[in-house]
C-alpha atoms as a PDB file:
ATOM      1  CA  MET A   1     155.580-152.830  50.665  1.00  0.00           C
ATOM      2  CA  ILE A   2     159.487-153.098  50.558  1.00  0.00           C
ATOM      3  CA  SER A   3     161.821-155.212  48.301  1.00  0.00           C
ATOM      4  CA  VAL A   4     164.391-157.410  49.633  1.00  0.00           C
ATOM      5  CA  LEU A   5     167.197-158.457  47.501  1.00  0.00           C
ATOM      6  CA  ASN A   6     169.453-161.544  48.080  1.00  0.00           C
ATOM      7  CA  ARG A   7     172.231-161.240  45.791  1.00  0.00           C
ATOM      8  CA  SER A   8     174.055-164.483  46.832  1.00  0.00           C
ATOM      9  CA  ASP A   9     173.528-167.645  44.832  1.00  0.00           C
ATOM     10  CA  GLU A  10     172.553-169.370  48.010  1.00  0.00           C
ATOM     11  CA  PRO A  11     169.288-168.920  50.143  1.00  0.00           C
ATOM     12  CA  VAL A  12     169.712-167.504  53.730  1.00  0.00           C
ATOM     13  CA  TYR A  13     167.506-168.747  56.706  1.00  0.00           C
ATOM     14  CA  GLU A  14     165.199-167.305  59.431  1.00  0.00           C
ATOM     15  CA  ALA A  15     165.395-163.804  57.884  1.00  0.00           C
ATOM     16  CA  VAL A  16     164.069-161.150  60.168  1.00  0.00           C
ATOM     17  CA  ILE A  17     163.234-157.790  58.288  1.00  0.00           C
ATOM     18  CA  THR A  18     162.544-155.004  60.657  1.00  0.00           C
ATOM     19  CA  MET A  19     161.461-151.437  59.764  1.00  0.00           C
ATOM     20  CA  VAL A  20     163.767-148.924  61.621  1.00  0.00           C
ATOM     21  CA  TYR A  21     164.301-145.276  61.543  1.00  0.00           C
ATOM     22  CA  ILE A  22     167.399-143.700  59.881  1.00  0.00           C
ATOM     23  CA  GLN A  23     166.377-140.277  60.946  1.00  0.00           C
ATOM     24  CA  GLY A  24     164.181-139.086  63.811  1.00  0.00           C
ATOM     25  CA  ALA A  25     163.812-139.781  67.456  1.00  0.00           C
ATOM     26  CA  ALA A  26     162.696-143.293  67.260  1.00  0.00           C
ATOM     27  CA  PRO A  27     164.349-146.873  67.248  1.00  0.00           C
ATOM     28  CA  HIS A  28     167.237-146.965  64.680  1.00  0.00           C
ATOM     29  CA  THR A  29     167.924-150.845  65.057  1.00  0.00           C
ATOM     30  CA  GLY A  30     166.147-154.029  65.471  1.00  0.00           C
ATOM     31  CA  GLU A  31     167.647-154.275  68.846  1.00  0.00           C
ATOM     32  CA  ALA A  32     166.373-150.921  69.981  1.00  0.00           C
ATOM     33  CA  TRP A  33     162.753-152.085  68.813  1.00  0.00           C
ATOM     34  CA  SER A  34     163.378-155.410  70.853  1.00  0.00           C
ATOM     35  CA  GLU A  35     164.080-153.402  74.013  1.00  0.00           C
ATOM     36  CA  ILE A  36     160.704-151.327  73.834  1.00  0.00           C
ATOM     37  CA  ALA A  37     158.517-153.714  72.141  1.00  0.00           C
ATOM     38  CA  PRO A  38     159.879-157.110  71.398  1.00  0.00           C
ATOM     39  CA  GLN A  39     156.625-158.763  70.194  1.00  0.00           C
ATOM     40  CA  ASP A  40     155.084-155.595  68.567  1.00  0.00           C
ATOM     41  CA  ALA A  41     158.183-154.452  66.505  1.00  0.00           C
ATOM     42  CA  PRO A  42     157.332-153.783  62.877  1.00  0.00           C
ATOM     43  CA  ARG A  43     158.978-156.945  61.340  1.00  0.00           C
ATOM     44  CA  GLU A  44     158.321-160.072  59.419  1.00  0.00           C
ATOM     45  CA  VAL A  45     160.117-163.511  59.821  1.00  0.00           C
ATOM     46  CA  TRP A  46     160.838-165.651  56.783  1.00  0.00           C
ATOM     47  CA  ALA A  47     162.080-169.276  57.127  1.00  0.00           C
ATOM     48  CA  VAL A  48     163.851-168.996  53.897  1.00  0.00           C
ATOM     49  CA  LEU A  49     164.847-166.181  51.541  1.00  0.00           C
ATOM     50  CA  PRO A  50     165.848-167.573  48.242  1.00  0.00           C
ATOM     51  CA  PRO A  51     168.296-165.751  45.873  1.00  0.00           C
ATOM     52  CA  GLY A  52     166.767-162.883  43.975  1.00  0.00           C
ATOM     53  CA  GLU A  53     164.170-160.140  44.783  1.00  0.00           C
ATOM     54  CA  ARG A  54     161.266-160.660  46.988  1.00  0.00           C
ATOM     55  CA  ARG A  55     158.629-158.281  48.357  1.00  0.00           C
ATOM     56  CA  VAL A  56     157.171-157.826  51.871  1.00  0.00           C
ATOM     57  CA  THR A  57     154.249-156.069  53.184  1.00  0.00           C
ATOM     58  CA  MET A  58     155.273-154.615  56.664  1.00  0.00           C
ATOM     59  CA  PRO A  59     152.623-153.886  59.404  1.00  0.00           C
ATOM     60  CA  GLY A  60     151.325-150.459  59.442  1.00  0.00           C
ATOM     61  CA  GLY A  61     150.313-147.832  62.028  1.00  0.00           C
ATOM     62  CA  TRP A  62     153.823-147.272  63.665  1.00  0.00           C
ATOM     63  CA  GLY A  63     155.316-144.409  61.804  1.00  0.00           C
ATOM     64  CA  ILE A  64     156.128-140.892  63.131  1.00  0.00           C
ATOM     65  CA  LEU A  65     155.621-137.806  61.040  1.00  0.00           C
ATOM     66  CA  THR A  66     159.150-136.487  61.411  1.00  0.00           C
ATOM     67  CA  GLY A  67     161.128-139.556  60.875  1.00  0.00           C
ATOM     68  CA  ARG A  68     162.713-141.381  57.848  1.00  0.00           C
ATOM     69  CA  VAL A  69     162.369-145.060  57.748  1.00  0.00           C
ATOM     70  CA  GLY A  70     164.552-147.680  56.327  1.00  0.00           C
ATOM     71  CA  ALA A  71     164.815-151.674  56.730  1.00  0.00           C
ATOM     72  CA  GLU A  72     167.344-153.981  58.270  1.00  0.00           C
ATOM     73  CA  ILE A  73     167.620-157.639  57.612  1.00  0.00           C
ATOM     74  CA  ALA A  74     169.281-160.248  59.974  1.00  0.00           C
ATOM     75  CA  PHE A  75     169.819-163.882  58.820  1.00  0.00           C
ATOM     76  CA  THR A  76     171.669-167.084  58.893  1.00  0.00           C
ATOM     77  CA  ASP A  77     173.734-168.036  56.021  1.00  0.00           C
ATOM     78  CA  ARG A  78     174.365-171.510  54.665  1.00  0.00           C
ATOM     79  CA  ALA A  79     177.455-172.024  56.856  1.00  0.00           C
ATOM     80  CA  GLY A  80     175.608-171.354  60.025  1.00  0.00           C
ATOM     81  CA  ALA A  81     176.940-167.686  60.511  1.00  0.00           C
ATOM     82  CA  SER A  82     174.351-165.070  61.541  1.00  0.00           C
ATOM     83  CA  TRP A  83     174.382-161.488  60.181  1.00  0.00           C
ATOM     84  CA  VAL A  84     172.456-158.279  60.045  1.00  0.00           C
ATOM     85  CA  ARG A  85     172.417-155.855  57.140  1.00  0.00           C
ATOM     86  CA  ARG A  86     171.713-152.403  58.840  1.00  0.00           C
ATOM     87  CA  ALA A  87     169.513-149.767  57.091  1.00  0.00           C
ATOM     88  CA  THR A  88     172.804-147.828  56.665  1.00  0.00           C
ATOM     89  CA  GLY A  89     174.091-150.622  54.673  1.00  0.00           C
ATOM     90  CA  ALA A  90     176.639-151.866  57.238  1.00  0.00           C
ATOM     91  CA  LEU A  91     176.996-155.680  57.568  1.00  0.00           C
ATOM     92  CA  GLU A  92     177.660-157.079  60.984  1.00  0.00           C
ATOM     93  CA  GLU A  93     178.042-160.510  62.414  1.00  0.00           C
ATOM     94  CA  LEU A  94     175.727-161.653  65.115  1.00  0.00           C
ATOM     95  CA  PRO A  95     176.637-163.825  68.173  1.00  0.00           C
ATOM     96  CA  THR A  96     173.514-165.765  67.782  1.00  0.00           C
ATOM     97  CA  ASP A  97     170.684-166.457  65.153  1.00  0.00           C
ATOM     98  CA  ALA A  98     168.555-163.446  64.659  1.00  0.00           C
ATOM     99  CA  ILE A  99     165.405-164.976  66.418  1.00  0.00           C
ATOM    100  CA  ASP A 100     167.202-165.287  69.622  1.00  0.00           C
ATOM    101  CA  HIS A 101     169.156-161.932  69.013  1.00  0.00           C
ATOM    102  CA  TYR A 102     165.895-160.179  68.751  1.00  0.00           C
ATOM    103  CA  ALA A 103     164.221-162.057  71.623  1.00  0.00           C
ATOM    104  CA  ILE A 104     161.348-163.096  69.276  1.00  0.00           C
ATOM    105  CA  SER A 105     159.046-165.562  70.861  1.00  0.00           C
ATOM    106  CA  ARG A 106     158.581-168.995  69.454  1.00  0.00           C
ATOM    107  CA  PRO A 107     156.506-170.623  67.772  1.00  0.00           C
ATOM    108  CA  LEU A 108     157.369-168.398  64.789  1.00  0.00           C
ATOM    109  CA  ASP A 109     154.675-167.228  62.288  1.00  0.00           C
ATOM    110  CA  TYR A 110     156.765-167.455  59.212  1.00  0.00           C
ATOM    111  CA  LYS A 111     155.512-165.168  56.283  1.00  0.00           C
ATOM    112  CA  PRO A 112     156.289-166.437  52.717  1.00  0.00           C
ATOM    113  CA  PRO A 113     158.392-164.167  50.639  1.00  0.00           C
ATOM    114  CA  ILE A 114     156.688-162.864  47.567  1.00  0.00           C
ATOM    115  CA  ARG A 115     158.616-162.914  44.258  1.00  0.00           C
ATOM    116  CA  SER A 116     158.959-159.355  42.795  1.00  0.00           C
END
């Protein structure tokens, strides 16, 4: 289980939380996961991430023994701009929404965020 924190006063939409590696020979970004396993990547999709802290249980069985994992989150803000916060902390604007950016098939199986 990991915690996701939205420090904004506004919700964000279509949030895609992806487990990535920050060390080791494995995918370091959500895009890398999409290239090798677009529908099987260790990720969850939320319709809305409200302000505050929420928890998410990620799918298991994908780790490697020598890697170090982190999480990245991509989302669309209230103004319609799409962003990704990398596991390194870097914030990058995306050219399209996260669902299309990561080539996630629709219809979506939205998971509800759990209040911490």
